[in-house]
């Protein structure tokens, strides 16, 4: 059985049975990836709201209406 376990470790970079440390690191990595994806989605939505606000501002719409429609603050829109 020792040869088989060594072969598995060689092929996948770790033993077939995950130790506590490996398990916790694996879970932490997956959680980190999920947080990163969520953060990216939030940033993407914000960038989209800014782009829309800019277009509305170019069209001459009232800033209060732009803020209401995009979820951005009046101050943020005035700075654009």
Protein backbone atom coordinates (compact mmCIF):
# COMPACT_ATOMS: atom_id res chain seq x y z
CA UNK A 1 0.00 0.00 0.00
CA UNK A 2 2.94 2.37 0.59
CA UNK A 3 3.89 2.47 -3.10
CA UNK A 4 0.31 3.29 -4.08
CA UNK A 5 0.11 6.15 -1.55
CA UNK A 6 3.45 7.55 -2.76
CA UNK A 7 2.21 7.42 -6.36
CA UNK A 8 -0.96 9.31 -5.43
CA UNK A 9 1.07 11.92 -3.59
CA UNK A 10 3.34 12.30 -6.62
CA UNK A 11 0.41 12.69 -9.03
CA UNK A 12 -1.78 15.10 -7.05
CA UNK A 13 0.79 16.78 -4.85
CA UNK A 14 -0.60 15.51 -1.56
CA UNK A 15 -1.74 12.30 0.05
CA UNK A 16 -5.18 10.91 -0.66
CA UNK A 17 -6.25 11.59 2.89
CA UNK A 18 -6.37 15.24 3.74
CA UNK A 19 -4.92 16.25 7.08
CA UNK A 20 -6.48 18.87 9.33
CA UNK A 21 -4.11 21.60 8.18
CA UNK A 22 -4.68 20.80 4.51
CA UNK A 23 -8.42 20.70 5.04
CA UNK A 24 -8.47 24.10 6.78
CA UNK A 25 -6.23 25.65 4.13
CA UNK A 26 -8.45 24.27 1.38
CA UNK A 27 -11.56 25.70 3.05
CA UNK A 28 -9.88 29.07 3.60
CA UNK A 29 -8.78 29.21 -0.02
CA UNK A 30 -12.29 28.47 -1.29
CA UNK A 31 -13.75 31.08 1.05
CA UNK A 32 -11.19 33.62 -0.14
CA UNK A 33 -12.07 32.93 -3.76
CA UNK A 34 -15.77 33.37 -3.01
CA UNK A 35 -15.12 36.68 -1.25
CA UNK A 36 -13.02 37.85 -4.19
CA UNK A 37 -15.77 37.00 -6.66
CA UNK A 38 -18.35 38.82 -4.53
CA UNK A 39 -16.10 41.89 -4.23
CA UNK A 40 -15.59 41.90 -7.99
CA UNK A 41 -19.32 41.81 -8.62
CA UNK A 42 -19.90 44.75 -6.27
CA UNK A 43 -17.12 46.78 -7.90
CA UNK A 44 -18.50 45.96 -11.35
CA UNK A 45 -21.98 47.13 -10.40
CA UNK A 46 -20.56 50.36 -9.02
CA UNK A 47 -18.58 51.01 -12.19
CA UNK A 48 -21.72 50.39 -14.23
CA UNK A 49 -23.71 52.84 -12.07
CA UNK A 50 -21.00 55.47 -12.57
CA UNK A 51 -21.03 54.97 -16.35
CA UNK A 52 -24.82 55.29 -16.42
CA UNK A 53 -24.69 58.40 -14.22
CA UNK A 54 -22.19 60.00 -16.57
CA UNK A 55 -24.45 59.39 -19.55
CA UNK A 56 -27.48 60.77 -17.71
CA UNK A 57 -25.46 63.81 -16.64
CA UNK A 58 -24.44 64.42 -20.28
CA UNK A 59 -28.12 64.25 -21.21
CA UNK A 60 -28.84 67.01 -18.71
CA UNK A 61 -31.01 65.03 -16.32
CA UNK A 62 -31.39 66.46 -12.82
CA UNK A 63 -28.73 65.16 -10.42
CA UNK A 64 -31.36 64.14 -7.86
CA UNK A 65 -33.02 61.92 -10.47
CA UNK A 66 -29.67 60.41 -11.48
CA UNK A 67 -28.91 59.65 -7.83
CA UNK A 68 -32.29 58.02 -7.36
CA UNK A 69 -31.90 55.90 -10.49
CA UNK A 70 -28.32 54.78 -9.96
CA UNK A 71 -28.06 54.55 -6.19
CA UNK A 72 -25.08 56.89 -6.16
CA UNK A 73 -25.01 59.90 -3.85
CA UNK A 74 -25.59 63.41 -5.13
CA UNK A 75 -22.03 64.29 -4.08
CA UNK A 76 -20.60 61.41 -6.11
CA UNK A 77 -22.54 62.46 -9.19
CA UNK A 78 -21.53 66.10 -8.84
CA UNK A 79 -17.85 65.02 -8.86
CA UNK A 80 -18.26 63.15 -12.16
